[in-house]
């Protein structure tokens, strides 16, 4: 009878140890997953900040695009256009 009770106690101990190991494995896997999510969150937060700055640059450029100074600058630099009666000197080395 005592031997049977000891066997039941051993099975209970093995069962609780198995449950404890299972819970520990689940906890470790969840911690790894949370760490990867946190790394992804930091990456995406930095990317959002960078894109927001780029958006602000584009908005500033959009506001500046119709100004006479910008149009003149583009005409001079990209199209080689100049105002009438303006003398242009090109220096060749």
N, C-alpha and C. Protein backbone atom coordinates (compact mmCIF):
# COMPACT_ATOMS: atom_id res chain seq x y z
N UNK A 1 0.82 -1.19 0.00
CA UNK A 1 0.00 0.00 0.00
C UNK A 1 0.86 1.26 0.00
N UNK A 2 1.91 1.23 0.85
CA UNK A 2 2.79 2.39 0.92
C UNK A 2 3.50 2.60 -0.42
N UNK A 3 3.85 1.52 -1.06
CA UNK A 3 4.54 1.62 -2.32
C UNK A 3 3.64 2.27 -3.37
N UNK A 4 2.37 1.95 -3.33
CA UNK A 4 1.41 2.53 -4.27
C UNK A 4 1.24 4.03 -4.00
N UNK A 5 1.23 4.45 -2.75
CA UNK A 5 1.12 5.86 -2.38
C UNK A 5 2.37 6.60 -2.83
N UNK A 6 3.53 6.01 -2.67
CA UNK A 6 4.78 6.63 -3.10
C UNK A 6 4.81 6.80 -4.61
N UNK A 7 4.29 5.82 -5.35
CA UNK A 7 4.24 5.92 -6.81
C UNK A 7 3.33 7.07 -7.22
N UNK A 8 2.18 7.23 -6.56
CA UNK A 8 1.27 8.34 -6.86
C UNK A 8 1.94 9.68 -6.56
N UNK A 9 2.68 9.74 -5.44
CA UNK A 9 3.38 10.99 -5.10
C UNK A 9 4.45 11.30 -6.14
N UNK A 10 5.14 10.27 -6.59
CA UNK A 10 6.17 10.49 -7.62
C UNK A 10 5.54 10.98 -8.92
N UNK A 11 4.42 10.41 -9.31
CA UNK A 11 3.73 10.87 -10.51
C UNK A 11 3.27 12.32 -10.36
N UNK A 12 2.79 12.68 -9.20
CA UNK A 12 2.38 14.07 -8.96
C UNK A 12 3.58 15.00 -9.07
N UNK A 13 4.71 14.60 -8.49
CA UNK A 13 5.92 15.43 -8.56
C UNK A 13 6.36 15.58 -10.01
N UNK A 14 6.38 14.50 -10.74
CA UNK A 14 6.79 14.55 -12.14
C UNK A 14 5.82 15.42 -12.94
N UNK A 15 4.53 15.29 -12.66
CA UNK A 15 3.52 16.11 -13.34
C UNK A 15 3.73 17.60 -13.07
N UNK A 16 3.95 17.98 -11.82
CA UNK A 16 4.16 19.39 -11.49
C UNK A 16 5.47 19.91 -12.04
N UNK A 17 6.50 19.08 -12.06
CA UNK A 17 7.78 19.51 -12.65
C UNK A 17 7.61 19.73 -14.15
N UNK A 18 6.87 18.84 -14.81
CA UNK A 18 6.63 18.99 -16.24
C UNK A 18 5.84 20.26 -16.53
N UNK A 19 4.83 20.53 -15.72
CA UNK A 19 4.05 21.76 -15.90
C UNK A 19 4.94 22.98 -15.67
N UNK A 20 5.79 22.95 -14.67
CA UNK A 20 6.68 24.07 -14.39
C UNK A 20 7.64 24.31 -15.56
N UNK A 21 8.21 23.23 -16.12
CA UNK A 21 9.11 23.36 -17.26
C UNK A 21 8.37 23.92 -18.47
N UNK A 22 7.14 23.45 -18.68
CA UNK A 22 6.33 23.93 -19.81
C UNK A 22 6.05 25.42 -19.67
N UNK A 23 5.66 25.85 -18.48
CA UNK A 23 5.37 27.27 -18.23
C UNK A 23 6.63 28.10 -18.40
N UNK A 24 7.76 27.60 -17.94
CA UNK A 24 9.03 28.33 -18.08
C UNK A 24 9.39 28.49 -19.55
N UNK A 25 9.22 27.44 -20.35
CA UNK A 25 9.50 27.53 -21.79
C UNK A 25 8.60 28.54 -22.48
N UNK A 26 7.33 28.51 -22.13
CA UNK A 26 6.39 29.48 -22.71
C UNK A 26 6.80 30.90 -22.33
N UNK A 27 7.17 31.12 -21.09
CA UNK A 27 7.58 32.45 -20.64
C UNK A 27 8.82 32.92 -21.40
N UNK A 28 9.79 32.05 -21.59
CA UNK A 28 11.02 32.42 -22.31
C UNK A 28 10.70 32.77 -23.76
N UNK A 29 9.87 31.97 -24.40
CA UNK A 29 9.49 32.25 -25.80
C UNK A 29 8.73 33.56 -25.92
N UNK A 30 7.85 33.83 -24.99
CA UNK A 30 7.10 35.10 -25.02
C UNK A 30 8.04 36.28 -24.81
N UNK A 31 9.02 36.12 -23.95
CA UNK A 31 9.97 37.21 -23.70
C UNK A 31 10.78 37.50 -24.96
N UNK A 32 11.20 36.45 -25.67
CA UNK A 32 11.92 36.64 -26.93
C UNK A 32 11.05 37.37 -27.94
N UNK A 33 9.79 36.99 -28.03
CA UNK A 33 8.87 37.63 -28.96
C UNK A 33 8.67 39.10 -28.60
N UNK A 34 8.51 39.39 -27.32
CA UNK A 34 8.34 40.78 -26.89
C UNK A 34 9.57 41.61 -27.20
N UNK A 35 10.75 41.05 -27.02
CA UNK A 35 11.98 41.77 -27.34
C UNK A 35 12.08 42.08 -28.83
N UNK A 36 11.69 41.13 -29.66
CA UNK A 36 11.73 41.40 -31.10
C UNK A 36 10.69 42.45 -31.49
N UNK A 37 9.52 42.42 -30.85
CA UNK A 37 8.52 43.45 -31.12
C UNK A 37 9.01 44.82 -30.70
N UNK A 38 9.72 44.88 -29.59
CA UNK A 38 10.24 46.17 -29.12
C UNK A 38 11.29 46.70 -30.09
N UNK A 39 12.15 45.83 -30.60
CA UNK A 39 13.15 46.25 -31.58
C UNK A 39 12.46 46.76 -32.85
N UNK A 40 11.44 46.06 -33.30
CA UNK A 40 10.69 46.51 -34.47
C UNK A 40 10.02 47.86 -34.22
N UNK A 41 9.49 48.04 -33.03
CA UNK A 41 8.83 49.30 -32.68
C UNK A 41 9.82 50.46 -32.74
N UNK A 42 11.02 50.26 -32.22
CA UNK A 42 12.03 51.33 -32.26
C UNK A 42 12.43 51.64 -33.70
N UNK A 43 12.57 50.60 -34.52
CA UNK A 43 12.93 50.80 -35.92
C UNK A 43 11.85 51.60 -36.65
N UNK A 44 10.60 51.20 -36.46
CA UNK A 44 9.51 51.88 -37.14
C UNK A 44 9.29 53.29 -36.61
N UNK A 45 9.54 53.52 -35.33
CA UNK A 45 9.42 54.87 -34.79
C UNK A 45 10.47 55.79 -35.42
N UNK A 46 11.69 55.28 -35.59
CA UNK A 46 12.73 56.08 -36.23
C UNK A 46 12.39 56.34 -37.69
N UNK A 47 11.84 55.35 -38.35
CA UNK A 47 11.46 55.52 -39.75
C UNK A 47 10.32 56.53 -39.89
N UNK A 48 9.36 56.50 -38.99
CA UNK A 48 8.26 57.47 -39.02
C UNK A 48 8.79 58.88 -38.81
N UNK A 49 9.73 59.03 -37.88
CA UNK A 49 10.31 60.35 -37.63
C UNK A 49 11.04 60.86 -38.88
N UNK A 50 11.80 59.99 -39.53
CA UNK A 50 12.52 60.38 -40.74
C UNK A 50 11.56 60.78 -41.85
N UNK A 51 10.50 60.01 -42.04
CA UNK A 51 9.54 60.33 -43.09
C UNK A 51 8.75 61.60 -42.78
N UNK A 52 8.51 61.86 -41.50
CA UNK A 52 7.83 63.11 -41.11
C UNK A 52 8.70 64.32 -41.45
N UNK A 53 10.01 64.20 -41.18
CA UNK A 53 10.92 65.29 -41.52
C UNK A 53 10.96 65.51 -43.04
N UNK A 54 10.97 64.41 -43.79
CA UNK A 54 10.97 64.52 -45.25
C UNK A 54 9.68 65.16 -45.75
N UNK A 55 8.57 64.81 -45.12
CA UNK A 55 7.28 65.40 -45.48
C UNK A 55 7.29 66.91 -45.23
N UNK A 56 7.86 67.32 -44.11
CA UNK A 56 7.95 68.75 -43.81
C UNK A 56 8.81 69.47 -44.84
N UNK A 57 9.89 68.82 -45.28
CA UNK A 57 10.74 69.39 -46.32
C UNK A 57 9.96 69.56 -47.62
N UNK A 58 9.18 68.56 -47.97
CA UNK A 58 8.38 68.63 -49.19
C UNK A 58 7.31 69.72 -49.11
N UNK A 59 6.71 69.86 -47.93
CA UNK A 59 5.70 70.92 -47.75
C UNK A 59 6.33 72.29 -47.91
N UNK A 60 7.53 72.47 -47.32
CA UNK A 60 8.23 73.75 -47.46
C UNK A 60 8.59 74.00 -48.92
N UNK A 61 9.01 72.96 -49.63
CA UNK A 61 9.35 73.11 -51.05
C UNK A 61 8.10 73.45 -51.85
N UNK A 62 6.98 72.83 -51.51
CA UNK A 62 5.71 73.09 -52.22
C UNK A 62 5.29 74.55 -52.02
N UNK A 63 5.45 75.06 -50.81
CA UNK A 63 5.09 76.45 -50.54
C UNK A 63 6.01 77.41 -51.28
N UNK A 64 7.25 77.00 -51.51
CA UNK A 64 8.25 77.87 -52.12
C UNK A 64 8.23 77.77 -53.64
N UNK A 65 7.60 76.78 -54.22
CA UNK A 65 7.70 76.50 -55.64
C UNK A 65 7.11 77.61 -56.53
N UNK A 66 6.12 78.31 -56.07
CA UNK A 66 5.49 79.36 -56.88
C UNK A 66 6.06 80.75 -56.63
N UNK A 67 7.07 80.83 -55.81
CA UNK A 67 7.66 82.15 -55.55
C UNK A 67 8.53 82.57 -56.73
N UNK A 68 8.58 83.86 -57.03
CA UNK A 68 9.39 84.34 -58.16
C UNK A 68 10.88 84.03 -57.99
N UNK A 69 11.37 84.07 -56.76
CA UNK A 69 12.78 83.78 -56.54
C UNK A 69 13.13 82.34 -56.93
N UNK A 70 12.26 81.41 -56.56
CA UNK A 70 12.51 80.01 -56.88
C UNK A 70 12.45 79.77 -58.38
N UNK A 71 11.47 80.39 -59.03
CA UNK A 71 11.32 80.23 -60.49
C UNK A 71 12.54 80.79 -61.19
N UNK A 72 13.02 81.95 -60.75
CA UNK A 72 14.22 82.55 -61.35
C UNK A 72 15.45 81.66 -61.11
N UNK A 73 15.56 81.13 -59.93
CA UNK A 73 16.70 80.27 -59.60
C UNK A 73 16.72 79.03 -60.48
N UNK A 74 15.59 78.39 -60.66
CA UNK A 74 15.51 77.20 -61.50
C UNK A 74 15.78 77.56 -62.97
N UNK A 75 15.24 78.68 -63.42
CA UNK A 75 15.47 79.11 -64.80
C UNK A 75 16.95 79.35 -65.05
N UNK A 76 17.64 79.94 -64.11
CA UNK A 76 19.08 80.22 -64.26
C UNK A 76 19.90 78.92 -64.20
N UNK A 77 19.64 78.11 -63.20
CA UNK A 77 20.49 76.94 -62.97
C UNK A 77 20.23 75.81 -63.95
N UNK A 78 18.99 75.48 -64.19
CA UNK A 78 18.69 74.28 -64.98
C UNK A 78 18.42 74.58 -66.45
N UNK A 79 17.87 75.74 -66.73
CA UNK A 79 17.49 76.03 -68.11
C UNK A 79 18.41 77.03 -68.80
N UNK A 80 19.39 77.55 -68.09
CA UNK A 80 20.32 78.56 -68.62
C UNK A 80 19.58 79.74 -69.23
N UNK A 81 18.55 80.22 -68.56
CA UNK A 81 17.80 81.39 -69.00
C UNK A 81 18.22 82.58 -68.12
N UNK A 82 18.23 83.77 -68.73
CA UNK A 82 18.62 84.97 -68.00
C UNK A 82 17.67 86.10 -68.34
N UNK A 83 17.69 87.13 -67.52
CA UNK A 83 16.84 88.29 -67.75
C UNK A 83 17.32 89.06 -68.98
N UNK A 84 16.41 89.79 -69.64
CA UNK A 84 16.84 90.60 -70.81
C UNK A 84 17.85 91.67 -70.36
N UNK A 85 18.76 91.99 -71.25
CA UNK A 85 19.81 93.00 -71.02
C UNK A 85 20.73 92.61 -69.86
N UNK A 86 20.84 91.36 -69.60
CA UNK A 86 21.74 90.91 -68.55
C UNK A 86 22.97 90.31 -69.22
N UNK A 87 24.12 90.74 -68.75
CA UNK A 87 25.35 90.23 -69.33
C UNK A 87 25.82 89.01 -68.55
N UNK A 88 26.16 87.99 -69.29
CA UNK A 88 26.62 86.77 -68.68
C UNK A 88 28.05 86.53 -69.15
N UNK A 89 28.91 86.33 -68.21
CA UNK A 89 30.30 86.03 -68.50
C UNK A 89 30.60 84.62 -68.05
N UNK A 90 31.11 83.84 -68.96
CA UNK A 90 31.51 82.48 -68.63
C UNK A 90 33.03 82.41 -68.69
N UNK A 91 33.59 81.90 -67.63
CA UNK A 91 35.03 81.77 -67.54
C UNK A 91 35.40 80.33 -67.80
N UNK A 92 36.29 80.14 -68.78
CA UNK A 92 36.76 78.80 -69.09
C UNK A 92 38.20 78.69 -68.64
N UNK A 93 38.49 77.65 -67.97
CA UNK A 93 39.87 77.42 -67.50
C UNK A 93 40.58 76.42 -68.36
